[in-house]
Structures are given as structure tokens and as C-alpha cells.
Amino acid sequence: MMDTLTYRTAERWVDEGLPLEALEMLEPRAEELRATAGGALLLGRAYYRSAQLRKAEAELRLAVELAPADAYARYLLGRTLQRQSRHAEALPHLRLAAAQDPGYAGDRDACAARVG
């Protein structure tokens, strides 16, 4: 089981722009992390920040499945799809995220403009 200190260290490294270092800690424990929305989200964030977008997408889809009301997980999934030029797929996620948190409205609107 991943201890709290290891989890928080990996989280801090992602926040500080060191996602590859975080992934060195997280990937050996990926199956365990995927058991919770927070763990899947942390993996997704690390993959997103390291531009491993397909892996990020898979983890973020799981995070959204486990916690459909998590606006940030949904927002990051939308942004991940956008970075892959999959704007039409991103838009529903960004709409839901913006409905929960108006701070995401700008990204929703920018994506909607791309979709047409």
C-alpha cells in the first residue's frame, strides 16, 4: 500500500513540474492507485504534465468514472482531449466542468468556438 508521504511527495512533484520523477514513484503502484478516483487523478495529472496524453486520457476517464462529480477530473480530461485535437469529444467534459465550476467557462467557450 502506498504510504501518505510517498503519495504527497509524488503530488508535490507533479505540482512543481516534475511529472516524470513523480511517475517513477507512481507507476509501480498504478494498480493500487487506480482503486480510487484520487489515485487515478494523480496518475492522470502526471501523465498530462509529461505530455503522455493517451495514458493521461485512460487514467482521467477512470477518475471521472469513479467520481463523476469531480469537476477538476472532468476538466482535465477535456483538456487532455483538446491537446489531442479531439475538440468535439472534449466539449461535453468541459461543459460539465464549467457547470460545476464557473472558473472553467473560458476553456469551455474556447473549445466550443473550435467545434463550431
PDB file of N, CA and C in Angstrom:
ATOM      1  N   MET A   1       0.835  -1.179   0.000  1.00  0.00           N
ATOM      2  CA  MET A   1       0.000   0.000   0.000  1.00  0.00           C
ATOM      3  C   MET A   1       0.885   1.250   0.000  1.00  0.00           C
ATOM      4  N   MET A   2       0.482   2.238  -0.783  1.00  0.00           N
ATOM      5  CA  MET A   2       1.258   3.468  -0.872  1.00  0.00           C
ATOM      6  C   MET A   2       1.056   4.293   0.393  1.00  0.00           C
ATOM      7  N   ASP A   3       2.166   4.673   1.008  1.00  0.00           N
ATOM      8  CA  ASP A   3       2.040   5.474   2.218  1.00  0.00           C
ATOM      9  C   ASP A   3       1.759   6.933   1.862  1.00  0.00           C
ATOM     10  N   THR A   4       1.247   7.652   2.829  1.00  0.00           N
ATOM     11  CA  THR A   4       0.826   9.036   2.619  1.00  0.00           C
ATOM     12  C   THR A   4       1.988   9.921   2.197  1.00  0.00           C
ATOM     13  N   LEU A   5       3.153   9.732   2.795  1.00  0.00           N
ATOM     14  CA  LEU A   5       4.309  10.562   2.456  1.00  0.00           C
ATOM     15  C   LEU A   5       4.704  10.383   0.993  1.00  0.00           C
ATOM     16  N   THR A   6       4.723   9.160   0.514  1.00  0.00           N
ATOM     17  CA  THR A   6       5.064   8.894  -0.885  1.00  0.00           C
ATOM     18  C   THR A   6       4.035   9.530  -1.810  1.00  0.00           C
ATOM     19  N   TYR A   7       2.763   9.378  -1.476  1.00  0.00           N
ATOM     20  CA  TYR A   7       1.685   9.956  -2.283  1.00  0.00           C
ATOM     21  C   TYR A   7       1.820  11.475  -2.340  1.00  0.00           C
ATOM     22  N   ARG A   8       2.018  12.096  -1.191  1.00  0.00           N
ATOM     23  CA  ARG A   8       2.132  13.566  -1.129  1.00  0.00           C
ATOM     24  C   ARG A   8       3.387  14.056  -1.848  1.00  0.00           C
ATOM     25  N   THR A   9       4.465  13.304  -1.760  1.00  0.00           N
ATOM     26  CA  THR A   9       5.690  13.682  -2.472  1.00  0.00           C
ATOM     27  C   THR A   9       5.454  13.644  -3.972  1.00  0.00           C
ATOM     28  N   ALA A  10       4.825  12.589  -4.453  1.00  0.00           N
ATOM     29  CA  ALA A  10       4.518  12.489  -5.886  1.00  0.00           C
ATOM     30  C   ALA A  10       3.591  13.621  -6.307  1.00  0.00           C
ATOM     31  N   GLU A  11       2.607  13.910  -5.490  1.00  0.00           N
ATOM     32  CA  GLU A  11       1.674  15.002  -5.778  1.00  0.00           C
ATOM     33  C   GLU A  11       2.420  16.343  -5.862  1.00  0.00           C
ATOM     34  N   ARG A  12       3.317  16.572  -4.919  1.00  0.00           N
ATOM     35  CA  ARG A  12       4.093  17.815  -4.914  1.00  0.00           C
ATOM     36  C   ARG A  12       4.966  17.910  -6.164  1.00  0.00           C
ATOM     37  N   TRP A  13       5.576  16.799  -6.557  1.00  0.00           N
ATOM     38  CA  TRP A  13       6.429  16.815  -7.747  1.00  0.00           C
ATOM     39  C   TRP A  13       5.621  17.137  -8.998  1.00  0.00           C
ATOM     40  N   VAL A  14       4.427  16.610  -9.099  1.00  0.00           N
ATOM     41  CA  VAL A  14       3.570  16.958 -10.241  1.00  0.00           C
ATOM     42  C   VAL A  14       3.286  18.456 -10.212  1.00  0.00           C
ATOM     43  N   ASP A  15       2.925  18.967  -9.053  1.00  0.00           N
ATOM     44  CA  ASP A  15       2.628  20.398  -8.910  1.00  0.00           C
ATOM     45  C   ASP A  15       3.835  21.275  -9.241  1.00  0.00           C
ATOM     46  N   GLU A  16       5.030  20.790  -8.937  1.00  0.00           N
ATOM     47  CA  GLU A  16       6.258  21.554  -9.165  1.00  0.00           C
ATOM     48  C   GLU A  16       6.830  21.366 -10.569  1.00  0.00           C
ATOM     49  N   GLY A  17       6.120  20.637 -11.427  1.00  0.00           N
ATOM     50  CA  GLY A  17       6.588  20.446 -12.793  1.00  0.00           C
ATOM     51  C   GLY A  17       7.602  19.331 -12.957  1.00  0.00           C
ATOM     52  N   LEU A  18       7.557  18.363 -12.068  1.00  0.00           N
ATOM     53  CA  LEU A  18       8.453  17.209 -12.151  1.00  0.00           C
ATOM     54  C   LEU A  18       7.640  15.922 -12.319  1.00  0.00           C
ATOM     55  N   PRO A  19       6.840  15.849 -13.377  1.00  0.00           N
ATOM     56  CA  PRO A  19       5.941  14.698 -13.507  1.00  0.00           C
ATOM     57  C   PRO A  19       6.662  13.379 -13.755  1.00  0.00           C
ATOM     58  N   LEU A  20       7.784  13.406 -14.437  1.00  0.00           N
ATOM     59  CA  LEU A  20       8.492  12.147 -14.694  1.00  0.00           C
ATOM     60  C   LEU A  20       9.037  11.552 -13.401  1.00  0.00           C
ATOM     61  N   GLU A  21       9.535  12.411 -12.520  1.00  0.00           N
ATOM     62  CA  GLU A  21      10.005  11.939 -11.222  1.00  0.00           C
ATOM     63  C   GLU A  21       8.838  11.365 -10.419  1.00  0.00           C
ATOM     64  N   ALA A  22       7.704  12.040 -10.485  1.00  0.00           N
ATOM     65  CA  ALA A  22       6.518  11.537  -9.791  1.00  0.00           C
ATOM     66  C   ALA A  22       6.102  10.182 -10.349  1.00  0.00           C
ATOM     67  N   LEU A  23       6.151  10.047 -11.662  1.00  0.00           N
ATOM     68  CA  LEU A  23       5.743   8.783 -12.279  1.00  0.00           C
ATOM     69  C   LEU A  23       6.658   7.634 -11.880  1.00  0.00           C
ATOM     70  N   GLU A  24       7.924   7.915 -11.606  1.00  0.00           N
ATOM     71  CA  GLU A  24       8.824   6.858 -11.127  1.00  0.00           C
ATOM     72  C   GLU A  24       8.304   6.265  -9.817  1.00  0.00           C
ATOM     73  N   MET A  25       7.681   7.103  -9.013  1.00  0.00           N
ATOM     74  CA  MET A  25       7.108   6.633  -7.746  1.00  0.00           C
ATOM     75  C   MET A  25       5.727   6.012  -7.947  1.00  0.00           C
ATOM     76  N   LEU A  26       4.969   6.568  -8.882  1.00  0.00           N
ATOM     77  CA  LEU A  26       3.568   6.182  -9.039  1.00  0.00           C
ATOM     78  C   LEU A  26       3.371   4.919  -9.872  1.00  0.00           C
ATOM     79  N   GLU A  27       4.109   4.785 -10.960  1.00  0.00           N
ATOM     80  CA  GLU A  27       3.844   3.672 -11.880  1.00  0.00           C
ATOM     81  C   GLU A  27       3.972   2.294 -11.231  1.00  0.00           C
ATOM     82  N   PRO A  28       4.949   2.056 -10.346  1.00  0.00           N
ATOM     83  CA  PRO A  28       4.990   0.732  -9.710  1.00  0.00           C
ATOM     84  C   PRO A  28       3.754   0.437  -8.853  1.00  0.00           C
ATOM     85  N   ARG A  29       3.024   1.478  -8.494  1.00  0.00           N
ATOM     86  CA  ARG A  29       1.837   1.321  -7.652  1.00  0.00           C
ATOM     87  C   ARG A  29       0.553   1.666  -8.408  1.00  0.00           C
ATOM     88  N   ALA A  30       0.615   1.655  -9.717  1.00  0.00           N
ATOM     89  CA  ALA A  30      -0.506   2.117 -10.540  1.00  0.00           C
ATOM     90  C   ALA A  30      -1.787   1.339 -10.268  1.00  0.00           C
ATOM     91  N   GLU A  31      -1.713   0.035 -10.171  1.00  0.00           N
ATOM     92  CA  GLU A  31      -2.931  -0.752  -9.940  1.00  0.00           C
ATOM     93  C   GLU A  31      -3.592  -0.352  -8.626  1.00  0.00           C
ATOM     94  N   GLU A  32      -2.796  -0.172  -7.613  1.00  0.00           N
ATOM     95  CA  GLU A  32      -3.319   0.259  -6.311  1.00  0.00           C
ATOM     96  C   GLU A  32      -3.945   1.649  -6.413  1.00  0.00           C
ATOM     97  N   LEU A  33      -3.289   2.550  -7.121  1.00  0.00           N
ATOM     98  CA  LEU A  33      -3.791   3.914  -7.268  1.00  0.00           C
ATOM     99  C   LEU A  33      -5.113   3.950  -8.021  1.00  0.00           C
ATOM    100  N   ARG A  34      -5.261   3.078  -8.987  1.00  0.00           N
ATOM    101  CA  ARG A  34      -6.481   3.053  -9.802  1.00  0.00           C
ATOM    102  C   ARG A  34      -7.715   2.607  -9.019  1.00  0.00           C
ATOM    103  N   ALA A  35      -7.529   2.159  -7.810  1.00  0.00           N
ATOM    104  CA  ALA A  35      -8.671   1.741  -6.987  1.00  0.00           C
ATOM    105  C   ALA A  35      -9.458   2.933  -6.452  1.00  0.00           C
ATOM    106  N   THR A  36      -8.863   4.132  -6.525  1.00  0.00           N
ATOM    107  CA  THR A  36      -9.547   5.327  -6.029  1.00  0.00           C
ATOM    108  C   THR A  36      -9.521   6.419  -7.098  1.00  0.00           C
ATOM    109  N   ALA A  37     -10.521   7.270  -7.055  1.00  0.00           N
ATOM    110  CA  ALA A  37     -10.575   8.386  -8.003  1.00  0.00           C
ATOM    111  C   ALA A  37      -9.375   9.307  -7.829  1.00  0.00           C
ATOM    112  N   GLY A  38      -8.988   9.567  -6.582  1.00  0.00           N
ATOM    113  CA  GLY A  38      -7.845  10.440  -6.326  1.00  0.00           C
ATOM    114  C   GLY A  38      -6.548   9.876  -6.868  1.00  0.00           C
ATOM    115  N   GLY A  39      -6.367   8.582  -6.736  1.00  0.00           N
ATOM    116  CA  GLY A  39      -5.163   7.942  -7.263  1.00  0.00           C
ATOM    117  C   GLY A  39      -5.125   7.976  -8.777  1.00  0.00           C
ATOM    118  N   ALA A  40      -6.253   7.670  -9.408  1.00  0.00           N
ATOM    119  CA  ALA A  40      -6.327   7.732 -10.873  1.00  0.00           C
ATOM    120  C   ALA A  40      -6.108   9.158 -11.359  1.00  0.00           C
ATOM    121  N   LEU A  41      -6.650  10.127 -10.629  1.00  0.00           N
ATOM    122  CA  LEU A  41      -6.463  11.530 -10.995  1.00  0.00           C
ATOM    123  C   LEU A  41      -4.997  11.929 -10.885  1.00  0.00           C
ATOM    124  N   LEU A  42      -4.321  11.507  -9.835  1.00  0.00           N
ATOM    125  CA  LEU A  42      -2.901  11.835  -9.691  1.00  0.00           C
ATOM    126  C   LEU A  42      -2.084  11.230 -10.828  1.00  0.00           C
ATOM    127  N   LEU A  43      -2.348   9.995 -11.168  1.00  0.00           N
ATOM    128  CA  LEU A  43      -1.673   9.389 -12.325  1.00  0.00           C
ATOM    129  C   LEU A  43      -1.980  10.175 -13.595  1.00  0.00           C
ATOM    130  N   GLY A  44      -3.239  10.512 -13.796  1.00  0.00           N
ATOM    131  CA  GLY A  44      -3.633  11.276 -14.977  1.00  0.00           C
ATOM    132  C   GLY A  44      -2.946  12.620 -15.050  1.00  0.00           C
ATOM    133  N   ARG A  45      -2.854  13.304 -13.914  1.00  0.00           N
ATOM    134  CA  ARG A  45      -2.170  14.600 -13.879  1.00  0.00           C
ATOM    135  C   ARG A  45      -0.701  14.453 -14.250  1.00  0.00           C
ATOM    136  N   ALA A  46      -0.045  13.427 -13.717  1.00  0.00           N
ATOM    137  CA  ALA A  46       1.374  13.215 -14.017  1.00  0.00           C
ATOM    138  C   ALA A  46       1.572  12.912 -15.501  1.00  0.00           C
ATOM    139  N   TYR A  47       0.727  12.073 -16.058  1.00  0.00           N
ATOM    140  CA  TYR A  47       0.835  11.779 -17.489  1.00  0.00           C
ATOM    141  C   TYR A  47       0.539  13.020 -18.328  1.00  0.00           C
ATOM    142  N   TYR A  48      -0.470  13.790 -17.940  1.00  0.00           N
ATOM    143  CA  TYR A  48      -0.812  15.019 -18.664  1.00  0.00           C
ATOM    144  C   TYR A  48       0.359  15.990 -18.647  1.00  0.00           C
ATOM    145  N   ARG A  49       0.941  16.194 -17.475  1.00  0.00           N
ATOM    146  CA  ARG A  49       2.040  17.156 -17.338  1.00  0.00           C
ATOM    147  C   ARG A  49       3.296  16.693 -18.071  1.00  0.00           C
ATOM    148  N   SER A  50       3.411  15.392 -18.345  1.00  0.00           N
ATOM    149  CA  SER A  50       4.563  14.884 -19.089  1.00  0.00           C
ATOM    150  C   SER A  50       4.212  14.621 -20.552  1.00  0.00           C
ATOM    151  N   ALA A  51       3.055  15.115 -20.988  1.00  0.00           N
ATOM    152  CA  ALA A  51       2.589  15.018 -22.378  1.00  0.00           C
ATOM    153  C   ALA A  51       2.405  13.579 -22.851  1.00  0.00           C
ATOM    154  N   GLN A  52       2.110  12.675 -21.940  1.00  0.00           N
ATOM    155  CA  GLN A  52       1.754  11.302 -22.297  1.00  0.00           C
ATOM    156  C   GLN A  52       0.224  11.248 -22.320  1.00  0.00           C
ATOM    157  N   LEU A  53      -0.317  11.807 -23.389  1.00  0.00           N
ATOM    158  CA  LEU A  53      -1.743  12.129 -23.403  1.00  0.00           C
ATOM    159  C   LEU A  53      -2.656  10.913 -23.474  1.00  0.00           C
ATOM    160  N   ARG A  54      -2.272   9.876 -24.173  1.00  0.00           N
ATOM    161  CA  ARG A  54      -3.123   8.672 -24.220  1.00  0.00           C
ATOM    162  C   ARG A  54      -3.217   8.028 -22.840  1.00  0.00           C
ATOM    163  N   LYS A  55      -2.082   7.960 -22.162  1.00  0.00           N
ATOM    164  CA  LYS A  55      -2.096   7.404 -20.805  1.00  0.00           C
ATOM    165  C   LYS A  55      -2.892   8.310 -19.870  1.00  0.00           C
ATOM    166  N   ALA A  56      -2.715   9.617 -20.014  1.00  0.00           N
ATOM    167  CA  ALA A  56      -3.477  10.564 -19.197  1.00  0.00           C
ATOM    168  C   ALA A  56      -4.967  10.372 -19.422  1.00  0.00           C
ATOM    169  N   GLU A  57      -5.351  10.239 -20.673  1.00  0.00           N
ATOM    170  CA  GLU A  57      -6.768  10.056 -21.002  1.00  0.00           C
ATOM    171  C   GLU A  57      -7.343   8.825 -20.309  1.00  0.00           C
ATOM    172  N   ALA A  58      -6.624   7.717 -20.360  1.00  0.00           N
ATOM    173  CA  ALA A  58      -7.125   6.485 -19.740  1.00  0.00           C
ATOM    174  C   ALA A  58      -7.311   6.662 -18.232  1.00  0.00           C
ATOM    175  N   GLU A  59      -6.341   7.265 -17.576  1.00  0.00           N
ATOM    176  CA  GLU A  59      -6.438   7.459 -16.125  1.00  0.00           C
ATOM    177  C   GLU A  59      -7.544   8.447 -15.769  1.00  0.00           C
ATOM    178  N   LEU A  60      -7.667   9.505 -16.561  1.00  0.00           N
ATOM    179  CA  LEU A  60      -8.685  10.517 -16.270  1.00  0.00           C
ATOM    180  C   LEU A  60     -10.089  10.003 -16.553  1.00  0.00           C
ATOM    181  N   ARG A  61     -10.241   9.162 -17.564  1.00  0.00           N
ATOM    182  CA  ARG A  61     -11.554   8.539 -17.791  1.00  0.00           C
ATOM    183  C   ARG A  61     -11.947   7.685 -16.582  1.00  0.00           C
ATOM    184  N   LEU A  62     -10.970   6.976 -16.037  1.00  0.00           N
ATOM    185  CA  LEU A  62     -11.242   6.176 -14.842  1.00  0.00           C
ATOM    186  C   LEU A  62     -11.600   7.077 -13.662  1.00  0.00           C
ATOM    187  N   ALA A  63     -10.865   8.163 -13.482  1.00  0.00           N
ATOM    188  CA  ALA A  63     -11.159   9.094 -12.382  1.00  0.00           C
ATOM    189  C   ALA A  63     -12.576   9.647 -12.499  1.00  0.00           C
ATOM    190  N   VAL A  64     -12.984   9.994 -13.715  1.00  0.00           N
ATOM    191  CA  VAL A  64     -14.336  10.524 -13.942  1.00  0.00           C
ATOM    192  C   VAL A  64     -15.383   9.436 -13.695  1.00  0.00           C
ATOM    193  N   GLU A  65     -15.072   8.219 -14.084  1.00  0.00           N
ATOM    194  CA  GLU A  65     -16.000   7.111 -13.838  1.00  0.00           C
ATOM    195  C   GLU A  65     -16.181   6.874 -12.335  1.00  0.00           C
ATOM    196  N   LEU A  66     -15.082   6.958 -11.595  1.00  0.00           N
ATOM    197  CA  LEU A  66     -15.139   6.722 -10.155  1.00  0.00           C
ATOM    198  C   LEU A  66     -15.736   7.898  -9.381  1.00  0.00           C
ATOM    199  N   ALA A  67     -15.562   9.106  -9.915  1.00  0.00           N
ATOM    200  CA  ALA A  67     -16.063  10.311  -9.230  1.00  0.00           C
ATOM    201  C   ALA A  67     -16.641  11.275 -10.259  1.00  0.00           C
ATOM    202  N   PRO A  68     -17.842  10.976 -10.779  1.00  0.00           N
ATOM    203  CA  PRO A  68     -18.416  11.790 -11.849  1.00  0.00           C
ATOM    204  C   PRO A  68     -18.660  13.249 -11.470  1.00  0.00           C
ATOM    205  N   ALA A  69     -18.731  13.551 -10.190  1.00  0.00           N
ATOM    206  CA  ALA A  69     -18.967  14.934  -9.760  1.00  0.00           C
ATOM    207  C   ALA A  69     -17.677  15.729  -9.576  1.00  0.00           C
ATOM    208  N   ASP A  70     -16.531  15.123  -9.847  1.00  0.00           N
ATOM    209  CA  ASP A  70     -15.249  15.818  -9.685  1.00  0.00           C
ATOM    210  C   ASP A  70     -15.020  16.724 -10.892  1.00  0.00           C
ATOM    211  N   ALA A  71     -15.254  18.004 -10.709  1.00  0.00           N
ATOM    212  CA  ALA A  71     -15.144  18.969 -11.811  1.00  0.00           C
ATOM    213  C   ALA A  71     -13.728  19.032 -12.363  1.00  0.00           C
ATOM    214  N   TYR A  72     -12.723  18.957 -11.493  1.00  0.00           N
ATOM    215  CA  TYR A  72     -11.343  19.064 -11.972  1.00  0.00           C
ATOM    216  C   TYR A  72     -10.960  17.858 -12.826  1.00  0.00           C
ATOM    217  N   ALA A  73     -11.352  16.662 -12.408  1.00  0.00           N
ATOM    218  CA  ALA A  73     -11.047  15.467 -13.199  1.00  0.00           C
ATOM    219  C   ALA A  73     -11.688  15.575 -14.579  1.00  0.00           C
ATOM    220  N   ARG A  74     -12.920  16.035 -14.612  1.00  0.00           N
ATOM    221  CA  ARG A  74     -13.625  16.184 -15.886  1.00  0.00           C
ATOM    222  C   ARG A  74     -12.966  17.270 -16.735  1.00  0.00           C
ATOM    223  N   TYR A  75     -12.584  18.375 -16.098  1.00  0.00           N
ATOM    224  CA  TYR A  75     -11.900  19.461 -16.805  1.00  0.00           C
ATOM    225  C   TYR A  75     -10.585  18.964 -17.413  1.00  0.00           C
ATOM    226  N   LEU A  76      -9.794  18.258 -16.617  1.00  0.00           N
ATOM    227  CA  LEU A  76      -8.501  17.799 -17.116  1.00  0.00           C
ATOM    228  C   LEU A  76      -8.672  16.765 -18.224  1.00  0.00           C
ATOM    229  N   LEU A  77      -9.705  15.937 -18.144  1.00  0.00           N
ATOM    230  CA  LEU A  77      -9.997  15.016 -19.242  1.00  0.00           C
ATOM    231  C   LEU A  77     -10.320  15.806 -20.504  1.00  0.00           C
ATOM    232  N   GLY A  78     -11.137  16.835 -20.380  1.00  0.00           N
ATOM    233  CA  GLY A  78     -11.450  17.683 -21.531  1.00  0.00           C
ATOM    234  C   GLY A  78     -10.209  18.328 -22.120  1.00  0.00           C
ATOM    235  N   ARG A  79      -9.341  18.847 -21.265  1.00  0.00           N
ATOM    236  CA  ARG A  79      -8.103  19.483 -21.739  1.00  0.00           C
ATOM    237  C   ARG A  79      -7.190  18.455 -22.411  1.00  0.00           C
ATOM    238  N   THR A  80      -7.166  17.248 -21.876  1.00  0.00           N
ATOM    239  CA  THR A  80      -6.349  16.186 -22.472  1.00  0.00           C
ATOM    240  C   THR A  80      -6.844  15.871 -23.877  1.00  0.00           C
ATOM    241  N   LEU A  81      -8.145  15.786 -24.046  1.00  0.00           N
ATOM    242  CA  LEU A  81      -8.715  15.532 -25.369  1.00  0.00           C
ATOM    243  C   LEU A  81      -8.437  16.702 -26.304  1.00  0.00           C
ATOM    244  N   GLN A  82      -8.527  17.920 -25.793  1.00  0.00           N
ATOM    245  CA  GLN A  82      -8.212  19.097 -26.611  1.00  0.00           C
ATOM    246  C   GLN A  82      -6.778  19.053 -27.108  1.00  0.00           C
ATOM    247  N   ARG A  83      -5.852  18.699 -26.234  1.00  0.00           N
ATOM    248  CA  ARG A  83      -4.436  18.660 -26.623  1.00  0.00           C
ATOM    249  C   ARG A  83      -4.179  17.618 -27.699  1.00  0.00           C
ATOM    250  N   GLN A  84      -5.109  16.693 -27.866  1.00  0.00           N
ATOM    251  CA  GLN A  84      -5.015  15.693 -28.927  1.00  0.00           C
ATOM    252  C   GLN A  84      -5.844  16.109 -30.141  1.00  0.00           C
ATOM    253  N   SER A  85      -6.290  17.360 -30.159  1.00  0.00           N
ATOM    254  CA  SER A  85      -7.127  17.917 -31.236  1.00  0.00           C
ATOM    255  C   SER A  85      -8.445  17.174 -31.380  1.00  0.00           C
ATOM    256  N   ARG A  86      -8.976  16.693 -30.278  1.00  0.00           N
ATOM    257  CA  ARG A  86     -10.256  15.989 -30.257  1.00  0.00           C
ATOM    258  C   ARG A  86     -11.281  16.890 -29.563  1.00  0.00           C
ATOM    259  N   HIS A  87     -11.480  18.061 -30.158  1.00  0.00           N
ATOM    260  CA  HIS A  87     -12.287  19.111 -29.553  1.00  0.00           C
ATOM    261  C   HIS A  87     -13.747  18.701 -29.349  1.00  0.00           C
ATOM    262  N   ALA A  88     -14.328  18.020 -30.317  1.00  0.00           N
ATOM    263  CA  ALA A  88     -15.732  17.607 -30.185  1.00  0.00           C
ATOM    264  C   ALA A  88     -15.914  16.644 -29.012  1.00  0.00           C
ATOM    265  N   GLU A  89     -14.932  15.788 -28.768  1.00  0.00           N
ATOM    266  CA  GLU A  89     -15.002  14.874 -27.625  1.00  0.00           C
ATOM    267  C   GLU A  89     -14.752  15.609 -26.313  1.00  0.00           C
ATOM    268  N   ALA A  90     -13.941  16.643 -26.364  1.00  0.00           N
ATOM    269  CA  ALA A  90     -13.596  17.402 -25.154  1.00  0.00           C
ATOM    270  C   ALA A  90     -14.754  18.253 -24.660  1.00  0.00           C
ATOM    271  N   LEU A  91     -15.534  18.786 -25.591  1.00  0.00           N
ATOM    272  CA  LEU A  91     -16.545  19.778 -25.236  1.00  0.00           C
ATOM    273  C   LEU A  91     -17.542  19.320 -24.169  1.00  0.00           C
ATOM    274  N   PRO A  92     -18.119  18.124 -24.249  1.00  0.00           N
ATOM    275  CA  PRO A  92     -19.065  17.732 -23.188  1.00  0.00           C
ATOM    276  C   PRO A  92     -18.428  17.710 -21.796  1.00  0.00           C
ATOM    277  N   HIS A  93     -17.174  17.300 -21.715  1.00  0.00           N
ATOM    278  CA  HIS A  93     -16.491  17.271 -20.423  1.00  0.00           C
ATOM    279  C   HIS A  93     -16.245  18.683 -19.911  1.00  0.00           C
ATOM    280  N   LEU A  94     -15.851  19.572 -20.807  1.00  0.00           N
ATOM    281  CA  LEU A  94     -15.611  20.958 -20.404  1.00  0.00           C
ATOM    282  C   LEU A  94     -16.916  21.651 -20.026  1.00  0.00           C
ATOM    283  N   ARG A  95     -17.998  21.304 -20.704  1.00  0.00           N
ATOM    284  CA  ARG A  95     -19.302  21.878 -20.341  1.00  0.00           C
ATOM    285  C   ARG A  95     -19.714  21.455 -18.935  1.00  0.00           C
ATOM    286  N   LEU A  96     -19.562  20.179 -18.644  1.00  0.00           N
ATOM    287  CA  LEU A  96     -19.926  19.696 -17.310  1.00  0.00           C
ATOM    288  C   LEU A  96     -19.022  20.304 -16.243  1.00  0.00           C
ATOM    289  N   ALA A  97     -17.737  20.402 -16.531  1.00  0.00           N
ATOM    290  CA  ALA A  97     -16.811  21.006 -15.565  1.00  0.00           C
ATOM    291  C   ALA A  97     -17.178  22.460 -15.307  1.00  0.00           C
ATOM    292  N   ALA A  98     -17.498  23.201 -16.369  1.00  0.00           N
ATOM    293  CA  ALA A  98     -17.856  24.618 -16.224  1.00  0.00           C
ATOM    294  C   ALA A  98     -19.189  24.789 -15.502  1.00  0.00           C
ATOM    295  N   ALA A  99     -20.092  23.834 -15.659  1.00  0.00           N
ATOM    296  CA  ALA A  99     -21.365  23.903 -14.937  1.00  0.00           C
ATOM    297  C   ALA A  99     -21.140  23.761 -13.431  1.00  0.00           C
ATOM    298  N   GLN A 100     -20.131  22.994 -13.066  1.00  0.00           N
ATOM    299  CA  GLN A 100     -19.817  22.796 -11.653  1.00  0.00           C
ATOM    300  C   GLN A 100     -18.912  23.895 -11.105  1.00  0.00           C
ATOM    301  N   ASP A 101     -18.034  24.415 -11.950  1.00  0.00           N
ATOM    302  CA  ASP A 101     -17.076  25.439 -11.525  1.00  0.00           C
ATOM    303  C   ASP A 101     -16.952  26.476 -12.632  1.00  0.00           C
ATOM    304  N   PRO A 102     -17.530  27.651 -12.450  1.00  0.00           N
ATOM    305  CA  PRO A 102     -17.502  28.682 -13.492  1.00  0.00           C
ATOM    306  C   PRO A 102     -16.093  29.098 -13.914  1.00  0.00           C
ATOM    307  N   GLY A 103     -15.100  28.775 -13.128  1.00  0.00           N
ATOM    308  CA  GLY A 103     -13.720  29.079 -13.497  1.00  0.00           C
ATOM    309  C   GLY A 103     -13.261  28.362 -14.758  1.00  0.00           C
ATOM    310  N   TYR A 104     -13.974  27.325 -15.149  1.00  0.00           N
ATOM    311  CA  TYR A 104     -13.621  26.568 -16.353  1.00  0.00           C
ATOM    312  C   TYR A 104     -14.365  27.057 -17.592  1.00  0.00           C
ATOM    313  N   ALA A 105     -15.174  28.094 -17.455  1.00  0.00           N
ATOM    314  CA  ALA A 105     -16.007  28.568 -18.563  1.00  0.00           C
ATOM    315  C   ALA A 105     -15.185  29.061 -19.747  1.00  0.00           C
ATOM    316  N   GLY A 106     -14.056  29.689 -19.505  1.00  0.00           N
ATOM    317  CA  GLY A 106     -13.230  30.191 -20.604  1.00  0.00           C
ATOM    318  C   GLY A 106     -12.733  29.074 -21.504  1.00  0.00           C
ATOM    319  N   ASP A 107     -12.282  27.979 -20.903  1.00  0.00           N
ATOM    320  CA  ASP A 107     -11.821  26.841 -21.698  1.00  0.00           C
ATOM    321  C   ASP A 107     -12.981  26.181 -22.429  1.00  0.00           C
ATOM    322  N   ARG A 108     -14.133  26.119 -21.775  1.00  0.00           N
ATOM    323  CA  ARG A 108     -15.330  25.577 -22.431  1.00  0.00           C
ATOM    324  C   ARG A 108     -15.675  26.406 -23.661  1.00  0.00           C
ATOM    325  N   ASP A 109     -15.678  27.726 -23.506  1.00  0.00           N
ATOM    326  CA  ASP A 109     -16.044  28.611 -24.612  1.00  0.00           C
ATOM    327  C   ASP A 109     -15.037  28.534 -25.756  1.00  0.00           C
ATOM    328  N   ALA A 110     -13.756  28.452 -25.422  1.00  0.00           N
ATOM    329  CA  ALA A 110     -12.727  28.341 -26.460  1.00  0.00           C
ATOM    330  C   ALA A 110     -12.881  27.038 -27.234  1.00  0.00           C
ATOM    331  N   CYS A 111     -13.196  25.970 -26.529  1.00  0.00           N
ATOM    332  CA  CYS A 111     -13.395  24.679 -27.192  1.00  0.00           C
ATOM    333  C   CYS A 111     -14.645  24.719 -28.063  1.00  0.00           C
ATOM    334  N   ALA A 112     -15.712  25.321 -27.547  1.00  0.00           N
ATOM    335  CA  ALA A 112     -16.959  25.421 -28.315  1.00  0.00           C
ATOM    336  C   ALA A 112     -16.734  26.199 -29.602  1.00  0.00           C
ATOM    337  N   ALA A 113     -15.914  27.225 -29.557  1.00  0.00           N
ATOM    338  CA  ALA A 113     -15.614  28.010 -30.759  1.00  0.00           C
ATOM    339  C   ALA A 113     -14.862  27.173 -31.786  1.00  0.00           C
ATOM    340  N   ARG A 114     -14.006  26.259 -31.325  1.00  0.00           N
ATOM    341  CA  ARG A 114     -13.264  25.386 -32.243  1.00  0.00           C
ATOM    342  C   ARG A 114     -14.180  24.353 -32.887  1.00  0.00           C
ATOM    343  N   VAL A 115     -15.168  23.897 -32.111  1.00  0.00           N
ATOM    344  CA  VAL A 115     -16.086  22.873 -32.622  1.00  0.00           C
ATOM    345  C   VAL A 115     -17.056  23.486 -33.621  1.00  0.00           C
ATOM    346  N   GLY A 116     -17.470  24.724 -33.350  1.00  0.00           N
ATOM    347  CA  GLY A 116     -18.352  25.424 -34.288  1.00  0.00           C
ATOM    348  C   GLY A 116     -19.780  25.438 -33.934  1.00  0.00           C
TER     349      GLY A 116
END
